[in-house]
Structure formats: C-alpha cells, structure tokens
Protein backbone atom coordinates (compact mmCIF):
# COMPACT_ATOMS: atom_id res chain seq x y z
CA UNK A 1 -16.94 -2.16 -40.34
CA UNK A 2 -14.57 -5.16 -39.90
CA UNK A 3 -11.53 -2.86 -40.00
CA UNK A 4 -13.02 -0.93 -37.10
CA UNK A 5 -13.65 -3.96 -35.12
CA UNK A 6 -10.17 -5.28 -35.75
CA UNK A 7 -8.56 -1.94 -34.81
CA UNK A 8 -10.68 -1.78 -31.59
CA UNK A 9 -9.61 -5.37 -30.81
CA UNK A 10 -5.96 -4.50 -31.39
CA UNK A 11 -6.01 -1.43 -29.19
CA UNK A 12 -7.75 -3.36 -26.51
CA UNK A 13 -5.12 -6.20 -26.72
CA UNK A 14 -2.18 -3.78 -26.65
CA UNK A 15 -3.52 -1.88 -23.66
CA UNK A 16 -4.08 -5.14 -21.76
CA UNK A 17 -0.52 -6.31 -22.59
CA UNK A 18 0.97 -3.00 -21.58
CA UNK A 19 -0.86 -3.05 -18.30
CA UNK A 20 0.23 -6.60 -17.60
CA UNK A 21 3.77 -5.65 -18.27
CA UNK A 22 3.68 -2.74 -15.78
CA UNK A 23 2.32 -4.75 -12.98
CA UNK A 24 4.57 -6.90 -10.85
CA UNK A 25 4.44 -8.48 -7.49
CA UNK A 26 6.36 -6.43 -4.90
CA UNK A 27 8.24 -9.00 -2.69
CA UNK A 28 6.91 -7.26 0.39
CA UNK A 29 3.50 -8.46 -0.44
CA UNK A 30 4.70 -12.08 -0.05
CA UNK A 31 4.71 -11.50 3.82
CA UNK A 32 1.00 -10.96 3.97
CA UNK A 33 -0.46 -12.74 0.93
CA UNK A 34 -0.03 -16.31 -0.52
CA UNK A 35 1.83 -16.90 -3.69
CA UNK A 36 -1.48 -18.24 -5.36
CA UNK A 37 -3.37 -15.25 -4.43
CA UNK A 38 -0.79 -12.91 -5.80
CA UNK A 39 -0.47 -14.89 -9.02
CA UNK A 40 -4.19 -14.81 -9.44
CA UNK A 41 -4.19 -11.02 -9.00
CA UNK A 42 -1.44 -10.77 -11.46
CA UNK A 43 -3.35 -12.74 -14.06
CA UNK A 44 -6.92 -11.72 -13.38
CA UNK A 45 -6.89 -8.29 -11.43
CA UNK A 46 -3.68 -6.48 -12.39
CA UNK A 47 -5.28 -3.12 -11.39
CA UNK A 48 -5.83 -4.52 -7.87
CA UNK A 49 -2.22 -5.61 -7.78
CA UNK A 50 -1.02 -2.25 -9.06
CA UNK A 51 -2.91 -0.57 -6.19
CA UNK A 52 -1.43 -2.96 -3.64
CA UNK A 53 2.19 -2.20 -4.85
CA UNK A 54 1.43 1.47 -4.76
CA UNK A 55 -0.12 1.15 -1.28
CA UNK A 56 3.16 -0.16 0.09
CA UNK A 57 4.89 3.12 -0.45
CA UNK A 58 2.03 5.70 -0.63
CA UNK A 59 -0.36 4.95 2.18
CA UNK A 60 1.55 6.51 4.93
CA UNK A 61 4.59 8.75 5.72
CA UNK A 62 7.10 8.67 8.52
CA UNK A 63 7.69 12.05 10.17
CA UNK A 64 9.89 13.53 12.83
CA UNK A 65 7.25 14.64 15.26
CA UNK A 66 9.41 15.09 18.33
CA UNK A 67 9.06 13.20 21.66
CA UNK A 68 6.62 15.71 23.17
CA UNK A 69 3.92 15.22 20.42
CA UNK A 70 4.65 11.48 20.25
CA UNK A 71 3.71 11.07 23.95
CA UNK A 72 0.05 11.71 23.00
CA UNK A 73 -0.06 8.94 20.26
CA UNK A 74 -0.55 5.37 20.66
CA UNK A 75 2.31 3.06 19.98
CA UNK A 76 2.71 1.41 16.59
CA UNK A 77 2.48 -2.31 17.05
CA UNK A 78 3.78 -5.37 15.13
CA UNK A 79 1.34 -7.53 13.42
CA UNK A 80 1.67 -11.08 12.17
CA UNK A 81 -0.08 -10.56 8.90
CA UNK A 82 -0.82 -14.20 8.29
CA UNK A 83 -2.41 -14.95 11.66
CA UNK A 84 -3.45 -11.41 12.44
CA UNK A 85 -1.79 -11.46 15.84
CA UNK A 86 -0.98 -8.18 17.31
CA UNK A 87 2.55 -8.06 18.81
CA UNK A 88 4.72 -5.82 20.81
CA UNK A 89 5.34 -2.12 20.43
CA UNK A 90 7.55 -1.19 17.56
CA UNK A 91 10.79 0.44 18.75
CA UNK A 92 12.23 1.43 15.37
CA UNK A 93 11.65 0.98 11.65
CA UNK A 94 13.72 0.62 8.69
CA UNK A 95 12.30 3.45 6.51
CA UNK A 96 13.99 2.09 3.37
CA UNK A 97 12.42 -1.25 3.75
CA UNK A 98 9.20 -0.45 5.50
CA UNK A 99 6.21 -2.91 5.00
CA UNK A 100 2.88 -1.39 6.01
CA UNK A 101 1.43 -4.88 6.21
CA UNK A 102 3.64 -5.81 9.16
CA UNK A 103 2.24 -3.31 11.54
CA UNK A 104 -1.33 -3.03 13.16
CA UNK A 105 -2.96 0.09 11.94
CA UNK A 106 -6.40 1.51 11.69
CA UNK A 107 -7.36 4.00 9.00
CA UNK A 108 -10.11 6.66 9.21
CA UNK A 109 -12.30 7.86 6.45
CA UNK A 110 -11.55 11.59 6.52
CA UNK A 111 -8.69 12.16 8.97
CA UNK A 112 -5.11 10.73 9.19
CA UNK A 113 -4.13 8.54 12.18
CA UNK A 114 -0.79 8.91 13.92
CA UNK A 115 1.33 6.26 15.58
CA UNK A 116 4.38 6.73 17.81
CA UNK A 117 7.47 4.80 16.75
CA UNK A 118 9.11 3.76 20.06
CA UNK A 119 10.98 6.61 21.74
CA UNK A 120 12.44 7.86 18.46
CA UNK A 121 10.44 10.94 18.24
CA UNK A 122 9.19 9.62 14.85
CA UNK A 123 5.61 9.04 13.96
CA UNK A 124 3.85 6.94 11.36
CA UNK A 125 1.16 8.93 9.59
CA UNK A 126 -1.55 6.72 8.24
CA UNK A 127 -3.43 8.66 5.41
CA UNK A 128 -7.15 8.65 5.46
CA UNK A 129 -9.27 6.63 3.11
CA UNK A 130 -10.29 9.87 1.47
CA UNK A 131 -6.69 11.05 0.84
CA UNK A 132 -5.65 7.52 -0.19
CA UNK A 133 -8.25 7.39 -2.88
CA UNK A 134 -7.41 10.87 -4.14
CA UNK A 135 -3.78 10.16 -4.23
CA UNK A 136 -4.25 6.84 -6.06
CA UNK A 137 -6.63 8.39 -8.67
CA UNK A 138 -4.05 11.12 -9.26
CA UNK A 139 -1.30 8.46 -9.65
CA UNK A 140 -3.41 6.39 -11.98
CA UNK A 141 -4.22 9.50 -14.13
CA UNK A 142 -0.55 10.31 -14.44
CA UNK A 143 0.42 6.73 -15.24
C-alpha cells in the first residue's frame, strides 16, 4: 500500500513539474498585467497562464476581407490595457507582433465579431467564446 502511495505521489510531482516547465510568461502579457500578478499565476495557476499565452495567438485571426466588406464593420480601436481607456481607430497592425490586449474588442458567445483595420481591407476576426473554448480544449488535449 505504501508503494502505491509513493508511486502516485511521484507521478503527481512529475506531472506538476512538467506543467510548470512548459508554462512561461509571454512578454506581451506584461503590457496588460502586473509582474506580481503574472508571477502569482506562474506559481499558483499555471493552467490559467498557459491559457493566457495561448489566447494571445489563438483568439482571433486577421483576414483580407476587402474594402467593400470592411465598410460594414466597426473600426478596431486602440486600448490602454492598464487604464482601460479606449483610443483612436487602428490604421494598421503588425501581424507578427500582434497583442490582442492592446485593442478594444468585444466577444460574443456563439458568433464571431469582425473589426475593420483602418483602410487596409483587412479585418480582425474575434472568435466566439464557444469557438475559443472548443479550440483551447482541443489544444489542451493534444498537448
């Protein structure tokens, strides 16, 4: 019986250590969250931090929609993530270094939301809560 308890404890310890090693703080999170908060997540809620890192790259897509379609969409706006102050319209984005926390967005439960990116003909597609949950669950199952 003691052997089983020791084995279970070791398996639990190894899985906790491996999860902690996988999780890191993406530098883009520093813009919206304090260092203390992120360190607390790293230590006490690595799964939440893993989600936040995943969210940075997987909660949206940027598509070429064309100017005609974009005319029907609201403009994407800048956001001061610390003070929650909505800024001016976004004229362009750096797709390689995009930080979703820097923009004012709304997310709906079961349908995507579209925002116009200036007059570029590009649109930011904000995935629905439902799609986001399904995608993250799939990601978690595969990793």
